[in-house]
Amino acid sequence: MKTLKDVKVGETVTVTKLHGEGPVKRRMMDMGITRGVELYVRKVAPLGDPVELNIRGYELSVRKDDAAIIEVT
């Protein structure tokens, strides 16, 4: 299982599944991270947290813990 946490800078991936439950999963979906959407990893902070993404035409920063629940291909 490959998660968003494992993706390198410059890669484009597709979300296959959101793990987790409750408010965390709902927050991810509210930010536009849903199954089938493409994510482009723009950059990663020097210590690896957060990860900056381009998604649906806007930029989004996601913490490493949250990136670990986003399964991608």
PDB file of N, CA and C in Angstrom:
ATOM      1  N   MET A   1       0.842  -1.180   0.000  1.00  0.00           N
ATOM      2  CA  MET A   1       0.000   0.000   0.000  1.00  0.00           C
ATOM      3  C   MET A   1       0.885   1.241   0.000  1.00  0.00           C
ATOM      4  N   LYS A   2       0.714   2.076  -1.002  1.00  0.00           N
ATOM      5  CA  LYS A   2       1.482   3.317  -1.124  1.00  0.00           C
ATOM      6  C   LYS A   2       0.607   4.478  -0.645  1.00  0.00           C
ATOM      7  N   THR A   3       1.163   5.288   0.243  1.00  0.00           N
ATOM      8  CA  THR A   3       0.416   6.438   0.738  1.00  0.00           C
ATOM      9  C   THR A   3       1.060   7.728   0.238  1.00  0.00           C
ATOM     10  N   LEU A   4       0.358   8.825   0.430  1.00  0.00           N
ATOM     11  CA  LEU A   4       0.862  10.128   0.007  1.00  0.00           C
ATOM     12  C   LEU A   4       2.182  10.464   0.703  1.00  0.00           C
ATOM     13  N   LYS A   5       2.394   9.924   1.881  1.00  0.00           N
ATOM     14  CA  LYS A   5       3.622  10.156   2.633  1.00  0.00           C
ATOM     15  C   LYS A   5       4.851   9.614   1.890  1.00  0.00           C
ATOM     16  N   ASP A   6       4.651   8.596   1.056  1.00  0.00           N
ATOM     17  CA  ASP A   6       5.746   7.926   0.344  1.00  0.00           C
ATOM     18  C   ASP A   6       6.075   8.556  -1.010  1.00  0.00           C
ATOM     19  N   VAL A   7       5.267   9.503  -1.465  1.00  0.00           N
ATOM     20  CA  VAL A   7       5.429  10.092  -2.801  1.00  0.00           C
ATOM     21  C   VAL A   7       6.541  11.138  -2.796  1.00  0.00           C
ATOM     22  N   LYS A   8       7.317  11.144  -3.859  1.00  0.00           N
ATOM     23  CA  LYS A   8       8.437  12.083  -3.993  1.00  0.00           C
ATOM     24  C   LYS A   8       7.987  13.400  -4.620  1.00  0.00           C
ATOM     25  N   VAL A   9       8.772  14.436  -4.418  1.00  0.00           N
ATOM     26  CA  VAL A   9       8.492  15.753  -4.998  1.00  0.00           C
ATOM     27  C   VAL A   9       8.491  15.647  -6.515  1.00  0.00           C
ATOM     28  N   GLY A  10       7.513  16.267  -7.158  1.00  0.00           N
ATOM     29  CA  GLY A  10       7.417  16.261  -8.608  1.00  0.00           C
ATOM     30  C   GLY A  10       6.543  15.164  -9.177  1.00  0.00           C
ATOM     31  N   GLU A  11       6.084  14.251  -8.346  1.00  0.00           N
ATOM     32  CA  GLU A  11       5.234  13.162  -8.819  1.00  0.00           C
ATOM     33  C   GLU A  11       3.764  13.565  -8.790  1.00  0.00           C
ATOM     34  N   THR A  12       3.003  13.017  -9.724  1.00  0.00           N
ATOM     35  CA  THR A  12       1.554  13.169  -9.731  1.00  0.00           C
ATOM     36  C   THR A  12       0.956  11.797  -9.459  1.00  0.00           C
ATOM     37  N   VAL A  13       0.059  11.730  -8.492  1.00  0.00           N
ATOM     38  CA  VAL A  13      -0.560  10.457  -8.114  1.00  0.00           C
ATOM     39  C   VAL A  13      -2.081  10.624  -8.088  1.00  0.00           C
ATOM     40  N   THR A  14      -2.781   9.493  -8.058  1.00  0.00           N
ATOM     41  CA  THR A  14      -4.240   9.486  -7.989  1.00  0.00           C
ATOM     42  C   THR A  14      -4.664   8.857  -6.670  1.00  0.00           C
ATOM     43  N   VAL A  15      -5.601   9.483  -5.990  1.00  0.00           N
ATOM     44  CA  VAL A  15      -6.110   8.969  -4.720  1.00  0.00           C
ATOM     45  C   VAL A  15      -6.973   7.739  -4.997  1.00  0.00           C
ATOM     46  N   THR A  16      -6.690   6.634  -4.290  1.00  0.00           N
ATOM     47  CA  THR A  16      -7.495   5.428  -4.451  1.00  0.00           C
ATOM     48  C   THR A  16      -8.396   5.187  -3.244  1.00  0.00           C
ATOM     49  N   LYS A  17      -7.959   5.622  -2.046  1.00  0.00           N
ATOM     50  CA  LYS A  17      -8.764   5.380  -0.853  1.00  0.00           C
ATOM     51  C   LYS A  17      -8.331   6.308   0.271  1.00  0.00           C
ATOM     52  N   LEU A  18      -9.299   6.717   1.084  1.00  0.00           N
ATOM     53  CA  LEU A  18      -9.010   7.479   2.298  1.00  0.00           C
ATOM     54  C   LEU A  18      -9.224   6.563   3.491  1.00  0.00           C
ATOM     55  N   HIS A  19      -8.187   6.358   4.271  1.00  0.00           N
ATOM     56  CA  HIS A  19      -8.318   5.572   5.494  1.00  0.00           C
ATOM     57  C   HIS A  19      -8.672   6.535   6.627  1.00  0.00           C
ATOM     58  N   GLY A  20      -8.859   6.022   7.802  1.00  0.00           N
ATOM     59  CA  GLY A  20      -9.229   6.898   8.911  1.00  0.00           C
ATOM     60  C   GLY A  20     -10.731   7.006   8.987  1.00  0.00           C
ATOM     61  N   GLU A  21     -11.183   7.743  10.000  1.00  0.00           N
ATOM     62  CA  GLU A  21     -12.624   7.859  10.180  1.00  0.00           C
ATOM     63  C   GLU A  21     -12.954   9.141  10.915  1.00  0.00           C
ATOM     64  N   GLY A  22     -14.225   9.451  10.948  1.00  0.00           N
ATOM     65  CA  GLY A  22     -14.691  10.604  11.707  1.00  0.00           C
ATOM     66  C   GLY A  22     -14.234  11.926  11.140  1.00  0.00           C
ATOM     67  N   PRO A  23     -13.923  12.871  12.045  1.00  0.00           N
ATOM     68  CA  PRO A  23     -13.609  14.242  11.633  1.00  0.00           C
ATOM     69  C   PRO A  23     -12.396  14.362  10.712  1.00  0.00           C
ATOM     70  N   VAL A  24     -11.393  13.515  10.886  1.00  0.00           N
ATOM     71  CA  VAL A  24     -10.179  13.597  10.055  1.00  0.00           C
ATOM     72  C   VAL A  24     -10.519  13.268   8.606  1.00  0.00           C
ATOM     73  N   LYS A  25     -11.241  12.183   8.386  1.00  0.00           N
ATOM     74  CA  LYS A  25     -11.626  11.790   7.031  1.00  0.00           C
ATOM     75  C   LYS A  25     -12.546  12.848   6.423  1.00  0.00           C
ATOM     76  N   ARG A  26     -13.477  13.363   7.192  1.00  0.00           N
ATOM     77  CA  ARG A  26     -14.403  14.395   6.715  1.00  0.00           C
ATOM     78  C   ARG A  26     -13.647  15.657   6.295  1.00  0.00           C
ATOM     79  N   ARG A  27     -12.630  16.041   7.087  1.00  0.00           N
ATOM     80  CA  ARG A  27     -11.826  17.228   6.774  1.00  0.00           C
ATOM     81  C   ARG A  27     -11.071  17.044   5.463  1.00  0.00           C
ATOM     82  N   MET A  28     -10.510  15.849   5.250  1.00  0.00           N
ATOM     83  CA  MET A  28      -9.798  15.560   3.997  1.00  0.00           C
ATOM     84  C   MET A  28     -10.754  15.686   2.810  1.00  0.00           C
ATOM     85  N   MET A  29     -11.943  15.133   2.948  1.00  0.00           N
ATOM     86  CA  MET A  29     -12.921  15.196   1.863  1.00  0.00           C
ATOM     87  C   MET A  29     -13.370  16.641   1.624  1.00  0.00           C
ATOM     88  N   ASP A  30     -13.529  17.424   2.670  1.00  0.00           N
ATOM     89  CA  ASP A  30     -13.907  18.830   2.532  1.00  0.00           C
ATOM     90  C   ASP A  30     -12.840  19.637   1.803  1.00  0.00           C
ATOM     91  N   MET A  31     -11.575  19.233   1.927  1.00  0.00           N
ATOM     92  CA  MET A  31     -10.489  19.935   1.244  1.00  0.00           C
ATOM     93  C   MET A  31     -10.343  19.481  -0.208  1.00  0.00           C
ATOM     94  N   GLY A  32     -11.180  18.542  -0.643  1.00  0.00           N
ATOM     95  CA  GLY A  32     -11.159  18.106  -2.040  1.00  0.00           C
ATOM     96  C   GLY A  32     -10.404  16.823  -2.285  1.00  0.00           C
ATOM     97  N   ILE A  33      -9.906  16.185  -1.232  1.00  0.00           N
ATOM     98  CA  ILE A  33      -9.170  14.930  -1.403  1.00  0.00           C
ATOM     99  C   ILE A  33     -10.180  13.790  -1.367  1.00  0.00           C
ATOM    100  N   THR A  34     -10.582  13.357  -2.563  1.00  0.00           N
ATOM    101  CA  THR A  34     -11.547  12.271  -2.703  1.00  0.00           C
ATOM    102  C   THR A  34     -10.998  11.246  -3.684  1.00  0.00           C
ATOM    103  N   ARG A  35     -11.613  10.083  -3.718  1.00  0.00           N
ATOM    104  CA  ARG A  35     -11.153   9.019  -4.596  1.00  0.00           C
ATOM    105  C   ARG A  35     -11.180   9.478  -6.052  1.00  0.00           C
ATOM    106  N   GLY A  36     -10.082   9.205  -6.778  1.00  0.00           N
ATOM    107  CA  GLY A  36     -10.000   9.527  -8.193  1.00  0.00           C
ATOM    108  C   GLY A  36      -9.366  10.870  -8.517  1.00  0.00           C
ATOM    109  N   VAL A  37      -9.162  11.728  -7.519  1.00  0.00           N
ATOM    110  CA  VAL A  37      -8.584  13.048  -7.775  1.00  0.00           C
ATOM    111  C   VAL A  37      -7.059  12.927  -7.908  1.00  0.00           C
ATOM    112  N   GLU A  38      -6.477  13.752  -8.785  1.00  0.00           N
ATOM    113  CA  GLU A  38      -5.026  13.747  -8.964  1.00  0.00           C
ATOM    114  C   GLU A  38      -4.375  14.754  -8.029  1.00  0.00           C
ATOM    115  N   LEU A  39      -3.261  14.348  -7.427  1.00  0.00           N
ATOM    116  CA  LEU A  39      -2.483  15.196  -6.535  1.00  0.00           C
ATOM    117  C   LEU A  39      -1.076  15.331  -7.109  1.00  0.00           C
ATOM    118  N   TYR A  40      -0.583  16.557  -7.188  1.00  0.00           N
ATOM    119  CA  TYR A  40       0.795  16.809  -7.613  1.00  0.00           C
ATOM    120  C   TYR A  40       1.560  17.270  -6.375  1.00  0.00           C
ATOM    121  N   VAL A  41       2.624  16.552  -6.036  1.00  0.00           N
ATOM    122  CA  VAL A  41       3.435  16.909  -4.868  1.00  0.00           C
ATOM    123  C   VAL A  41       4.399  18.003  -5.284  1.00  0.00           C
ATOM    124  N   ARG A  42       4.136  19.223  -4.826  1.00  0.00           N
ATOM    125  CA  ARG A  42       4.900  20.406  -5.223  1.00  0.00           C
ATOM    126  C   ARG A  42       6.202  20.514  -4.455  1.00  0.00           C
ATOM    127  N   LYS A  43       6.142  20.368  -3.134  1.00  0.00           N
ATOM    128  CA  LYS A  43       7.375  20.379  -2.333  1.00  0.00           C
ATOM    129  C   LYS A  43       7.102  19.816  -0.951  1.00  0.00           C
ATOM    130  N   VAL A  44       8.193  19.492  -0.281  1.00  0.00           N
ATOM    131  CA  VAL A  44       8.139  18.965   1.076  1.00  0.00           C
ATOM    132  C   VAL A  44       9.036  19.842   1.933  1.00  0.00           C
ATOM    133  N   ALA A  45       8.567  20.200   3.117  1.00  0.00           N
ATOM    134  CA  ALA A  45       9.359  21.029   4.028  1.00  0.00           C
ATOM    135  C   ALA A  45      10.661  20.311   4.395  1.00  0.00           C
ATOM    136  N   PRO A  46      11.685  21.051   4.798  1.00  0.00           N
ATOM    137  CA  PRO A  46      12.988  20.449   5.100  1.00  0.00           C
ATOM    138  C   PRO A  46      12.948  19.276   6.084  1.00  0.00           C
ATOM    139  N   LEU A  47      12.091  19.335   7.071  1.00  0.00           N
ATOM    140  CA  LEU A  47      11.997  18.231   8.032  1.00  0.00           C
ATOM    141  C   LEU A  47      10.933  17.209   7.632  1.00  0.00           C
ATOM    142  N   GLY A  48      10.379  17.356   6.433  1.00  0.00           N
ATOM    143  CA  GLY A  48       9.419  16.389   5.922  1.00  0.00           C
ATOM    144  C   GLY A  48       7.971  16.676   6.288  1.00  0.00           C
ATOM    145  N   ASP A  49       7.718  17.745   6.990  1.00  0.00           N
ATOM    146  CA  ASP A  49       6.356  18.038   7.427  1.00  0.00           C
ATOM    147  C   ASP A  49       6.119  19.534   7.381  1.00  0.00           C
ATOM    148  N   PRO A  50       5.212  20.069   6.635  1.00  0.00           N
ATOM    149  CA  PRO A  50       4.157  19.435   5.837  1.00  0.00           C
ATOM    150  C   PRO A  50       4.558  19.175   4.386  1.00  0.00           C
ATOM    151  N   VAL A  51       3.629  18.554   3.666  1.00  0.00           N
ATOM    152  CA  VAL A  51       3.771  18.278   2.243  1.00  0.00           C
ATOM    153  C   VAL A  51       2.871  19.271   1.515  1.00  0.00           C
ATOM    154  N   GLU A  52       3.402  19.956   0.502  1.00  0.00           N
ATOM    155  CA  GLU A  52       2.593  20.913  -0.249  1.00  0.00           C
ATOM    156  C   GLU A  52       2.128  20.278  -1.555  1.00  0.00           C
ATOM    157  N   LEU A  53       0.820  20.348  -1.800  1.00  0.00           N
ATOM    158  CA  LEU A  53       0.202  19.700  -2.948  1.00  0.00           C
ATOM    159  C   LEU A  53      -0.485  20.710  -3.854  1.00  0.00           C
ATOM    160  N   ASN A  54      -0.607  20.358  -5.119  1.00  0.00           N
ATOM    161  CA  ASN A  54      -1.521  21.049  -6.031  1.00  0.00           C
ATOM    162  C   ASN A  54      -2.665  20.085  -6.257  1.00  0.00           C
ATOM    163  N   ILE A  55      -3.891  20.554  -5.982  1.00  0.00           N
ATOM    164  CA  ILE A  55      -5.069  19.710  -6.114  1.00  0.00           C
ATOM    165  C   ILE A  55      -6.228  20.567  -6.613  1.00  0.00           C
ATOM    166  N   ARG A  56      -6.871  20.123  -7.668  1.00  0.00           N
ATOM    167  CA  ARG A  56      -8.049  20.814  -8.208  1.00  0.00           C
ATOM    168  C   ARG A  56      -7.809  22.306  -8.440  1.00  0.00           C
ATOM    169  N   GLY A  57      -6.587  22.676  -8.821  1.00  0.00           N
ATOM    170  CA  GLY A  57      -6.292  24.057  -9.158  1.00  0.00           C
ATOM    171  C   GLY A  57      -5.897  24.944  -7.992  1.00  0.00           C
ATOM    172  N   TYR A  58      -5.704  24.408  -6.820  1.00  0.00           N
ATOM    173  CA  TYR A  58      -5.224  25.214  -5.693  1.00  0.00           C
ATOM    174  C   TYR A  58      -4.124  24.492  -4.942  1.00  0.00           C
ATOM    175  N   GLU A  59      -3.434  25.230  -4.079  1.00  0.00           N
ATOM    176  CA  GLU A  59      -2.342  24.658  -3.294  1.00  0.00           C
ATOM    177  C   GLU A  59      -2.846  24.306  -1.904  1.00  0.00           C
ATOM    178  N   LEU A  60      -2.374  23.182  -1.396  1.00  0.00           N
ATOM    179  CA  LEU A  60      -2.811  22.678  -0.099  1.00  0.00           C
ATOM    180  C   LEU A  60      -1.614  22.085   0.627  1.00  0.00           C
ATOM    181  N   SER A  61      -1.474  22.396   1.894  1.00  0.00           N
ATOM    182  CA  SER A  61      -0.427  21.788   2.721  1.00  0.00           C
ATOM    183  C   SER A  61      -1.074  20.766   3.641  1.00  0.00           C
ATOM    184  N   VAL A  62      -0.466  19.581   3.701  1.00  0.00           N
ATOM    185  CA  VAL A  62      -1.000  18.478   4.499  1.00  0.00           C
ATOM    186  C   VAL A  62       0.090  17.982   5.437  1.00  0.00           C
ATOM    187  N   ARG A  63      -0.261  17.764   6.695  1.00  0.00           N
ATOM    188  CA  ARG A  63       0.701  17.210   7.657  1.00  0.00           C
ATOM    189  C   ARG A  63       1.041  15.771   7.291  1.00  0.00           C
ATOM    190  N   LYS A  64       2.217  15.321   7.717  1.00  0.00           N
ATOM    191  CA  LYS A  64       2.684  13.978   7.411  1.00  0.00           C
ATOM    192  C   LYS A  64       1.732  12.908   7.957  1.00  0.00           C
ATOM    193  N   ASP A  65       1.202  13.136   9.158  1.00  0.00           N
ATOM    194  CA  ASP A  65       0.262  12.179   9.749  1.00  0.00           C
ATOM    195  C   ASP A  65      -0.997  12.038   8.895  1.00  0.00           C
ATOM    196  N   ASP A  66      -1.479  13.160   8.369  1.00  0.00           N
ATOM    197  CA  ASP A  66      -2.665  13.121   7.515  1.00  0.00           C
ATOM    198  C   ASP A  66      -2.343  12.503   6.162  1.00  0.00           C
ATOM    199  N   ALA A  67      -1.148  12.743   5.645  1.00  0.00           N
ATOM    200  CA  ALA A  67      -0.731  12.162   4.367  1.00  0.00           C
ATOM    201  C   ALA A  67      -0.683  10.638   4.440  1.00  0.00           C
ATOM    202  N   ALA A  68      -0.429  10.102   5.633  1.00  0.00           N
ATOM    203  CA  ALA A  68      -0.317   8.657   5.805  1.00  0.00           C
ATOM    204  C   ALA A  68      -1.656   7.941   5.655  1.00  0.00           C
ATOM    205  N   ILE A  69      -2.780   8.650   5.737  1.00  0.00           N
ATOM    206  CA  ILE A  69      -4.084   7.990   5.605  1.00  0.00           C
ATOM    207  C   ILE A  69      -4.637   8.081   4.171  1.00  0.00           C
ATOM    208  N   ILE A  70      -3.867   8.719   3.269  1.00  0.00           N
ATOM    209  CA  ILE A  70      -4.316   8.880   1.884  1.00  0.00           C
ATOM    210  C   ILE A  70      -3.592   7.848   1.009  1.00  0.00           C
ATOM    211  N   GLU A  71      -4.316   6.834   0.580  1.00  0.00           N
ATOM    212  CA  GLU A  71      -3.746   5.783  -0.263  1.00  0.00           C
ATOM    213  C   GLU A  71      -3.766   6.245  -1.714  1.00  0.00           C
ATOM    214  N   VAL A  72      -2.628   6.092  -2.411  1.00  0.00           N
ATOM    215  CA  VAL A  72      -2.502   6.571  -3.790  1.00  0.00           C
ATOM    216  C   VAL A  72      -1.902   5.512  -4.703  1.00  0.00           C
ATOM    217  N   THR A  73      -2.060   5.755  -6.019  1.00  0.00           N
ATOM    218  CA  THR A  73      -1.393   4.889  -7.012  1.00  0.00           C
ATOM    219  C   THR A  73      -0.587   5.766  -7.950  1.00  0.00           C
TER     220      THR A  73
END
